[in-house]
Amino acid sequence: METPSRSTLESLKGILRRDLKLPADAAIADGMPLVGGDMDLDSLDMLLLVTSVEKEFGIKIANGAMGREAFQSVESLARFIEASRSGVGA
């Protein structure tokens, strides 16, 4: 699996900081789990994240695409975003 670009990762981390009201300098590791880890996003957080990602990156995330794999970690979501933008299946 390819590593997502630094710009995609940093943009995604910016969205997470903004939407979760984290400090601007909050450390977010690439491999940090989105569910079950330090963030442990609830359903409302996930909905906000999906909406923000769709708007920021110009992609559409279908309900079926919201599987555990894409939302496993910051890095896996960034990979999903890049695959969606390039038209390659995530």
C-alpha atoms as a PDB file:
ATOM      1  CA  MET A   1       0.000   0.000   0.000  1.00  0.00           C
ATOM      2  CA  GLU A   2       1.289   3.411  -0.918  1.00  0.00           C
ATOM      3  CA  THR A   3       1.935   6.017   1.700  1.00  0.00           C
ATOM      4  CA  PRO A   4      -0.307   9.057   1.202  1.00  0.00           C
ATOM      5  CA  SER A   5       1.298  12.386   0.392  1.00  0.00           C
ATOM      6  CA  ARG A   6       2.375  14.646   3.224  1.00  0.00           C
ATOM      7  CA  SER A   7       0.031  17.383   1.923  1.00  0.00           C
ATOM      8  CA  THR A   8      -3.012  15.091   2.093  1.00  0.00           C
ATOM      9  CA  LEU A   9      -2.056  13.950   5.583  1.00  0.00           C
ATOM     10  CA  GLU A  10      -1.518  17.512   6.819  1.00  0.00           C
ATOM     11  CA  SER A  11      -4.784  18.733   5.264  1.00  0.00           C
ATOM     12  CA  LEU A  12      -6.647  15.853   6.908  1.00  0.00           C
ATOM     13  CA  LYS A  13      -5.007  16.579  10.266  1.00  0.00           C
ATOM     14  CA  GLY A  14      -6.042  20.220   9.901  1.00  0.00           C
ATOM     15  CA  ILE A  15      -9.640  19.135   9.350  1.00  0.00           C
ATOM     16  CA  LEU A  16      -9.478  16.897  12.430  1.00  0.00           C
ATOM     17  CA  ARG A  17      -8.058  19.691  14.583  1.00  0.00           C
ATOM     18  CA  ARG A  18     -10.715  22.138  13.392  1.00  0.00           C
ATOM     19  CA  ASP A  19     -13.725  19.804  13.547  1.00  0.00           C
ATOM     20  CA  LEU A  20     -12.779  18.260  16.893  1.00  0.00           C
ATOM     21  CA  LYS A  21     -11.813  21.647  18.321  1.00  0.00           C
ATOM     22  CA  LEU A  22      -8.285  20.511  19.124  1.00  0.00           C
ATOM     23  CA  PRO A  23      -5.434  22.964  19.723  1.00  0.00           C
ATOM     24  CA  ALA A  24      -3.680  24.057  16.514  1.00  0.00           C
ATOM     25  CA  ASP A  25      -0.489  22.354  17.690  1.00  0.00           C
ATOM     26  CA  ALA A  26      -2.164  19.099  18.786  1.00  0.00           C
ATOM     27  CA  ALA A  27      -0.010  16.147  17.759  1.00  0.00           C
ATOM     28  CA  ILE A  28      -1.817  13.736  15.468  1.00  0.00           C
ATOM     29  CA  ALA A  29       0.204  10.696  14.401  1.00  0.00           C
ATOM     30  CA  ASP A  30      -0.288   9.301  10.903  1.00  0.00           C
ATOM     31  CA  GLY A  31      -1.203   5.907  12.350  1.00  0.00           C
ATOM     32  CA  MET A  32      -3.524   7.263  15.050  1.00  0.00           C
ATOM     33  CA  PRO A  33      -6.768   5.260  15.089  1.00  0.00           C
ATOM     34  CA  LEU A  34      -9.916   7.271  14.398  1.00  0.00           C
ATOM     35  CA  VAL A  35     -12.094   4.841  16.339  1.00  0.00           C
ATOM     36  CA  GLY A  36     -11.071   3.173  19.570  1.00  0.00           C
ATOM     37  CA  GLY A  37      -7.883   5.187  20.030  1.00  0.00           C
ATOM     38  CA  ASP A  38      -7.157   8.540  21.633  1.00  0.00           C
ATOM     39  CA  MET A  39      -9.655  10.274  19.336  1.00  0.00           C
ATOM     40  CA  ASP A  40     -12.389   7.615  19.482  1.00  0.00           C
ATOM     41  CA  LEU A  41     -14.733   9.520  17.175  1.00  0.00           C
ATOM     42  CA  ASP A  42     -18.435   9.075  17.864  1.00  0.00           C
ATOM     43  CA  SER A  43     -21.097   8.985  15.153  1.00  0.00           C
ATOM     44  CA  LEU A  44     -21.559  12.769  15.105  1.00  0.00           C
ATOM     45  CA  ASP A  45     -17.794  13.311  14.862  1.00  0.00           C
ATOM     46  CA  MET A  46     -17.673  10.827  11.972  1.00  0.00           C
ATOM     47  CA  LEU A  47     -20.513  12.569  10.154  1.00  0.00           C
ATOM     48  CA  LEU A  48     -18.783  15.932  10.532  1.00  0.00           C
ATOM     49  CA  LEU A  49     -15.485  14.420   9.363  1.00  0.00           C
ATOM     50  CA  VAL A  50     -17.082  12.803   6.305  1.00  0.00           C
ATOM     51  CA  THR A  51     -18.801  16.070   5.364  1.00  0.00           C
ATOM     52  CA  SER A  52     -15.609  18.092   5.815  1.00  0.00           C
ATOM     53  CA  VAL A  53     -13.492  15.598   3.844  1.00  0.00           C
ATOM     54  CA  GLU A  54     -15.997  15.563   0.989  1.00  0.00           C
ATOM     55  CA  LYS A  55     -16.023  19.360   0.831  1.00  0.00           C
ATOM     56  CA  GLU A  56     -12.257  19.844   1.255  1.00  0.00           C
ATOM     57  CA  PHE A  57     -11.135  17.167  -1.199  1.00  0.00           C
ATOM     58  CA  GLY A  58     -14.025  17.258  -3.671  1.00  0.00           C
ATOM     59  CA  ILE A  59     -14.916  13.601  -3.263  1.00  0.00           C
ATOM     60  CA  LYS A  60     -18.102  11.766  -2.382  1.00  0.00           C
ATOM     61  CA  ILE A  61     -17.985   9.104   0.299  1.00  0.00           C
ATOM     62  CA  ALA A  62     -20.829   6.642  -0.211  1.00  0.00           C
ATOM     63  CA  ASN A  63     -22.236   4.861   2.822  1.00  0.00           C
ATOM     64  CA  GLY A  64     -20.751   1.574   1.647  1.00  0.00           C
ATOM     65  CA  ALA A  65     -17.308   3.186   1.367  1.00  0.00           C
ATOM     66  CA  MET A  66     -17.366   4.061   5.055  1.00  0.00           C
ATOM     67  CA  GLY A  67     -16.029   0.657   5.981  1.00  0.00           C
ATOM     68  CA  ARG A  68     -13.716   0.019   8.885  1.00  0.00           C
ATOM     69  CA  GLU A  69     -10.699  -0.135   6.594  1.00  0.00           C
ATOM     70  CA  ALA A  70     -10.915   3.449   5.252  1.00  0.00           C
ATOM     71  CA  PHE A  71     -11.590   4.923   8.704  1.00  0.00           C
ATOM     72  CA  GLN A  72      -9.108   2.756  10.596  1.00  0.00           C
ATOM     73  CA  SER A  73      -6.516   5.514  11.016  1.00  0.00           C
ATOM     74  CA  VAL A  74      -5.534   8.960   9.816  1.00  0.00           C
ATOM     75  CA  GLU A  75      -3.213   7.369   7.252  1.00  0.00           C
ATOM     76  CA  SER A  76      -5.797   4.889   5.940  1.00  0.00           C
ATOM     77  CA  LEU A  77      -8.310   7.713   5.469  1.00  0.00           C
ATOM     78  CA  ALA A  78      -5.685   9.783   3.631  1.00  0.00           C
ATOM     79  CA  ARG A  79      -5.004   6.780   1.336  1.00  0.00           C
ATOM     80  CA  PHE A  80      -8.748   6.444   0.714  1.00  0.00           C
ATOM     81  CA  ILE A  81      -8.978  10.160  -0.138  1.00  0.00           C
ATOM     82  CA  GLU A  82      -6.116   9.942  -2.638  1.00  0.00           C
ATOM     83  CA  ALA A  83      -7.530   6.803  -4.242  1.00  0.00           C
ATOM     84  CA  SER A  84     -10.942   8.463  -4.540  1.00  0.00           C
ATOM     85  CA  ARG A  85      -9.449  11.602  -6.085  1.00  0.00           C
ATOM     86  CA  SER A  86      -7.513   9.576  -8.644  1.00  0.00           C
ATOM     87  CA  GLY A  87     -10.549   7.450  -9.496  1.00  0.00           C
ATOM     88  CA  VAL A  88      -8.863   4.271  -8.250  1.00  0.00           C
ATOM     89  CA  GLY A  89     -10.902   2.040  -5.931  1.00  0.00           C
ATOM     90  CA  ALA A  90      -9.944   2.579  -2.298  1.00  0.00           C
END
